[in-house]
Amino acid sequence: MTTKAITSVSDLIGELRAITVPNCGPQWFRGHANADWKLQPNYDRLKKPVGEIELLGRFRQNANLLLEKAPAMPYDFGWMFLMQHYGVPTRLLDWTENPLIALYFAVEDKKSKKDGALWVLFPHELNKLSTESRVYIPSFEDDWLANYSVISYSKGKDNGILPIAVIATRNNPRIQAQLGVFTISHLKKTPIEEIDSKSHCLKFTIPSKNKNNIREELKILGINRFQVFPELSSIGQELKDTLK
């Protein structure tokens, strides 16, 4: 896959202008601190994963006591989102509709010496490969998505089902701030960028030497930790950083 380098925010804007054409549909974005990372959810990267249905059961066993109400999404997707939020590996892969948010994730780690990457996904094009019906972006409340449910996945059938792009209700401050959207995988572990003709996604590299400059540009534009994670811990971290 041929990639171009992004060395500044203006570079990113120029590249996005070049790939945006009338009627091209939505574009989703994801930032990686390491350009070598594949477009795979954390659960699919595990060498010897616990069964997903068992993992969910163990999480729910103790989480119920700490929740005012149980997640409302059908097919256990609500629990999957909660697990993702608290760092448990799931089949979900986070994307954003805001390229600056993705760029933030690509450069935020000040200790990383690796080149980063910014991925662009054309969700309609991915879903053309994942569905045989009318091409659209379903929501997690859609009954059509039952094939991707925890129960269906646990049965170990339908090995040919590919990842699909999905939208979710933005019911917490973090997903709203990040303009979060998702892909969800099935039993087939092919990374998204290696599916079919690969025309459904693009990759831009971010040289490590340019990461600090991009962080400074994003800071000027108001893209900081608190903007991306609107939580008390972010306020504390931002204040600690000013004291260094």
Protein backbone atom coordinates (compact mmCIF):
# COMPACT_ATOMS: atom_id res chain seq x y z
CA MET A 1 0.00 0.00 0.00
CA THR A 2 1.51 3.33 -1.10
CA THR A 3 1.38 5.96 1.63
CA LYS A 4 2.03 9.68 1.80
CA ALA A 5 3.57 11.50 4.75
CA ILE A 6 1.75 14.06 6.86
CA THR A 7 4.11 16.54 8.55
CA SER A 8 1.60 19.19 9.67
CA VAL A 9 -2.10 19.91 10.08
CA SER A 10 -2.06 21.81 6.78
CA ASP A 11 -0.64 18.68 5.10
CA LEU A 12 -3.59 16.72 6.40
CA ILE A 13 -6.08 19.27 5.13
CA GLY A 14 -4.47 19.22 1.70
CA GLU A 15 -4.55 15.41 1.49
CA LEU A 16 -8.18 15.27 2.60
CA ARG A 17 -9.12 17.84 -0.03
CA ALA A 18 -7.44 15.67 -2.65
CA ILE A 19 -9.39 12.52 -1.75
CA THR A 20 -12.75 14.20 -1.19
CA VAL A 21 -14.92 14.14 -4.27
CA PRO A 22 -18.67 14.77 -4.74
CA ASN A 23 -20.85 11.86 -3.60
CA CYS A 24 -17.91 9.95 -2.11
CA GLY A 25 -19.89 9.35 1.08
CA PRO A 26 -18.67 9.75 4.67
CA GLN A 27 -15.07 9.37 5.73
CA TRP A 28 -13.99 7.97 9.09
CA PHE A 29 -10.55 8.35 10.67
CA ARG A 30 -8.30 6.50 13.09
CA GLY A 31 -4.88 7.44 14.46
CA HIS A 32 -2.12 4.97 15.37
CA ALA A 33 0.97 5.89 17.37
CA ASN A 34 2.82 3.11 15.51
CA ALA A 35 2.46 2.93 11.73
CA ASP A 36 3.04 -0.84 11.82
CA TRP A 37 -0.17 -1.54 13.75
CA LYS A 38 -2.93 -3.29 11.83
CA LEU A 39 -6.59 -2.27 11.70
CA GLN A 40 -7.68 -5.00 14.09
CA PRO A 41 -9.61 -4.73 17.37
CA ASN A 42 -7.80 -5.69 20.56
CA TYR A 43 -9.72 -8.95 20.96
CA ASP A 44 -8.56 -10.19 17.56
CA ARG A 45 -4.93 -9.47 18.49
CA LEU A 46 -4.98 -11.79 21.52
CA LYS A 47 -2.87 -14.93 21.11
CA LYS A 48 -5.03 -17.15 23.34
CA PRO A 49 -8.27 -15.28 23.96
CA VAL A 50 -10.85 -16.29 26.54
CA GLY A 51 -14.18 -16.92 24.85
CA GLU A 52 -15.98 -13.62 24.36
CA ILE A 53 -19.17 -14.84 26.00
CA GLU A 54 -17.16 -15.93 29.06
CA LEU A 55 -15.30 -12.63 29.15
CA LEU A 56 -18.57 -10.71 29.07
CA GLY A 57 -20.04 -12.89 31.81
CA ARG A 58 -17.08 -12.29 34.10
CA PHE A 59 -17.24 -8.54 33.48
CA ARG A 60 -20.99 -8.39 34.07
CA GLN A 61 -20.67 -10.48 37.25
CA ASN A 62 -18.96 -7.63 39.10
CA ALA A 63 -20.03 -4.59 37.06
CA ASN A 64 -23.75 -4.96 37.81
CA LEU A 65 -23.22 -3.89 41.42
CA LEU A 66 -21.54 -0.65 40.31
CA LEU A 67 -24.13 0.40 37.71
CA GLU A 68 -27.30 2.37 38.32
CA LYS A 69 -28.87 0.58 35.36
CA ALA A 70 -27.77 -2.10 32.92
CA PRO A 71 -26.76 -1.13 29.37
CA ALA A 72 -29.82 -0.88 27.14
CA MET A 73 -28.50 -1.90 23.69
CA PRO A 74 -29.82 -5.20 22.28
CA TYR A 75 -27.73 -8.35 21.69
CA ASP A 76 -25.32 -7.47 24.54
CA PHE A 77 -23.78 -4.67 22.47
CA GLY A 78 -24.30 -2.31 25.41
CA TRP A 79 -22.11 -4.51 27.58
CA MET A 80 -19.54 -4.73 24.81
CA PHE A 81 -19.36 -0.92 24.69
CA LEU A 82 -18.96 -0.74 28.46
CA MET A 83 -16.14 -3.27 28.34
CA GLN A 84 -14.44 -1.29 25.57
CA HIS A 85 -14.77 1.91 27.59
CA TYR A 86 -12.93 0.34 30.53
CA GLY A 87 -10.14 -1.28 28.53
CA VAL A 88 -11.37 -4.85 28.14
CA PRO A 89 -10.48 -6.28 24.68
CA THR A 90 -13.52 -6.45 22.39
CA ARG A 91 -14.30 -6.87 18.69
CA LEU A 92 -14.96 -3.14 18.41
CA LEU A 93 -12.51 -0.82 16.67
CA ASP A 94 -12.92 2.90 17.40
CA TRP A 95 -13.06 5.45 14.60
CA THR A 96 -13.94 9.14 14.55
CA GLU A 97 -15.67 11.43 12.12
CA ASN A 98 -13.17 14.18 13.02
CA PRO A 99 -9.72 13.87 11.37
CA LEU A 100 -8.12 16.13 14.01
CA ILE A 101 -9.18 13.73 16.76
CA ALA A 102 -7.56 10.86 14.87
CA LEU A 103 -4.43 12.96 14.37
CA TYR A 104 -4.34 13.61 18.13
CA PHE A 105 -4.28 9.87 18.86
CA ALA A 106 -1.50 9.37 16.32
CA VAL A 107 0.84 11.89 18.00
CA GLU A 108 -0.24 12.10 21.67
CA ASP A 109 2.35 9.64 23.04
CA LYS A 110 5.41 11.79 23.66
CA LYS A 111 7.55 8.74 24.46
CA SER A 112 6.94 6.99 21.14
CA LYS A 113 9.85 7.04 18.70
CA LYS A 114 7.89 5.26 15.99
CA ASP A 115 6.32 6.79 12.92
CA GLY A 116 2.57 7.13 13.36
CA ALA A 117 -0.30 6.61 10.96
CA LEU A 118 -3.61 8.19 10.16
CA TRP A 119 -6.13 5.89 8.49
CA VAL A 120 -9.09 6.99 6.39
CA LEU A 121 -12.01 4.59 6.02
CA PHE A 122 -14.82 4.86 3.50
CA PRO A 123 -17.52 3.03 5.49
CA HIS A 124 -19.95 2.62 2.60
CA GLU A 125 -17.22 0.92 0.57
CA LEU A 126 -16.37 -1.43 3.45
CA ASN A 127 -20.02 -2.32 3.92
CA LYS A 128 -20.38 -3.14 0.22
CA LEU A 129 -17.96 -5.97 0.94
CA SER A 130 -19.65 -6.98 4.20
CA THR A 131 -23.30 -7.02 3.09
CA GLU A 132 -25.35 -8.35 0.23
CA SER A 133 -28.33 -6.06 0.75
CA ARG A 134 -28.83 -2.32 0.39
CA VAL A 135 -25.58 -0.61 1.37
CA TYR A 136 -25.93 1.62 4.39
CA ILE A 137 -24.38 2.10 7.83
CA PRO A 138 -26.50 0.25 10.41
CA SER A 139 -26.76 1.13 14.09
CA PHE A 140 -26.23 -1.27 16.96
CA GLU A 141 -29.98 -1.11 17.62
CA ASP A 142 -30.62 -2.56 14.14
CA ASP A 143 -31.92 -6.16 14.18
CA TRP A 144 -29.93 -6.79 11.01
CA LEU A 145 -26.78 -6.68 13.16
CA ALA A 146 -27.84 -9.75 15.17
CA ASN A 147 -25.30 -11.81 13.16
CA TYR A 148 -22.54 -9.92 15.01
CA SER A 149 -24.03 -10.43 18.47
CA VAL A 150 -22.12 -12.11 21.29
CA ILE A 151 -24.39 -15.17 21.10
CA SER A 152 -24.06 -15.60 17.33
CA TYR A 153 -20.30 -15.08 17.50
CA SER A 154 -19.94 -17.68 20.28
CA LYS A 155 -21.49 -20.38 18.08
CA GLY A 156 -18.42 -20.31 15.84
CA LYS A 157 -20.30 -20.23 12.55
CA ASP A 158 -20.30 -17.84 9.57
CA ASN A 159 -16.52 -17.72 9.27
CA GLY A 160 -16.74 -15.59 6.13
CA ILE A 161 -18.42 -12.57 7.72
CA LEU A 162 -16.23 -9.48 7.31
CA PRO A 163 -15.97 -6.42 9.60
CA ILE A 164 -18.75 -3.89 9.16
CA ALA A 165 -18.99 -0.14 9.84
CA VAL A 166 -21.64 0.74 12.44
CA ILE A 167 -22.90 3.81 14.26
CA ALA A 168 -23.90 3.90 17.93
CA THR A 169 -25.92 6.19 20.15
CA ARG A 170 -23.50 8.71 21.66
CA ASN A 171 -24.63 8.23 25.23
CA ASN A 172 -21.54 9.33 27.15
CA PRO A 173 -19.33 12.46 27.05
CA ARG A 174 -16.28 10.64 25.68
CA ILE A 175 -17.92 9.16 22.58
CA GLN A 176 -19.64 12.49 21.90
CA ALA A 177 -16.42 14.49 22.26
CA GLN A 178 -14.59 12.09 19.96
CA LEU A 179 -17.47 11.88 17.44
CA GLY A 180 -17.05 8.14 17.81
CA VAL A 181 -18.11 5.54 15.26
CA PHE A 182 -17.08 1.89 15.04
CA THR A 183 -16.30 -1.19 13.05
CA ILE A 184 -17.05 -4.59 14.54
CA SER A 185 -15.32 -7.77 13.46
CA HIS A 186 -16.53 -11.36 13.27
CA LEU A 187 -14.73 -14.71 13.13
CA LYS A 188 -12.69 -13.77 10.08
CA LYS A 189 -9.56 -12.07 11.45
CA THR A 190 -8.38 -10.35 8.25
CA PRO A 191 -7.22 -6.79 9.09
CA ILE A 192 -9.50 -4.22 7.48
CA GLU A 193 -6.73 -2.82 5.28
CA GLU A 194 -6.08 -6.26 3.76
CA ILE A 195 -9.66 -6.98 2.66
CA ASP A 196 -10.36 -7.37 -1.05
CA SER A 197 -9.00 -4.59 -3.32
CA LYS A 198 -8.21 -2.32 -0.33
CA SER A 199 -10.00 0.61 -2.02
CA HIS A 200 -12.13 1.16 1.10
CA CYS A 201 -9.29 2.71 3.12
CA LEU A 202 -6.18 4.89 2.87
CA LYS A 203 -3.12 5.25 5.08
CA PHE A 204 -1.02 8.34 5.75
CA THR A 205 2.24 8.07 7.69
CA ILE A 206 3.33 10.61 10.30
CA PRO A 207 7.12 10.75 10.68
CA SER A 208 8.16 10.63 14.33
CA LYS A 209 10.27 13.78 13.91
CA ASN A 210 7.13 15.75 13.04
CA LYS A 211 4.94 14.55 15.91
CA ASN A 212 5.92 17.29 18.35
CA ASN A 213 5.19 20.02 15.80
CA ILE A 214 1.78 18.50 15.08
CA ARG A 215 1.02 18.29 18.81
CA GLU A 216 1.74 22.01 19.10
CA GLU A 217 -0.51 22.80 16.12
CA LEU A 218 -3.34 20.73 17.57
CA LYS A 219 -2.94 22.51 20.91
CA ILE A 220 -3.35 25.87 19.13
CA LEU A 221 -6.54 24.51 17.55
CA GLY A 222 -7.91 23.46 20.95
CA ILE A 223 -7.43 19.72 20.43
CA ASN A 224 -6.05 18.57 23.78
CA ARG A 225 -6.59 15.76 26.27
CA PHE A 226 -9.56 17.41 27.96
CA GLN A 227 -11.22 18.06 24.60
CA VAL A 228 -10.83 14.38 23.66
CA PHE A 229 -11.46 12.93 27.14
CA PRO A 230 -13.82 15.35 28.96
CA GLU A 231 -13.21 13.84 32.38
CA LEU A 232 -11.80 14.99 35.73
CA SER A 233 -8.64 12.96 35.24
CA SER A 234 -7.92 14.95 32.07
CA ILE A 235 -8.12 18.24 33.98
CA GLY A 236 -5.60 16.91 36.47
CA GLN A 237 -3.23 15.73 33.74
CA GLU A 238 -3.46 19.04 31.87
CA LEU A 239 -2.57 20.96 35.04
CA LYS A 240 0.34 18.59 35.81
CA ASP A 241 1.70 19.17 32.32
CA THR A 242 1.77 22.94 32.87
CA LEU A 243 4.00 22.44 35.93
CA LYS A 244 6.74 20.58 34.04
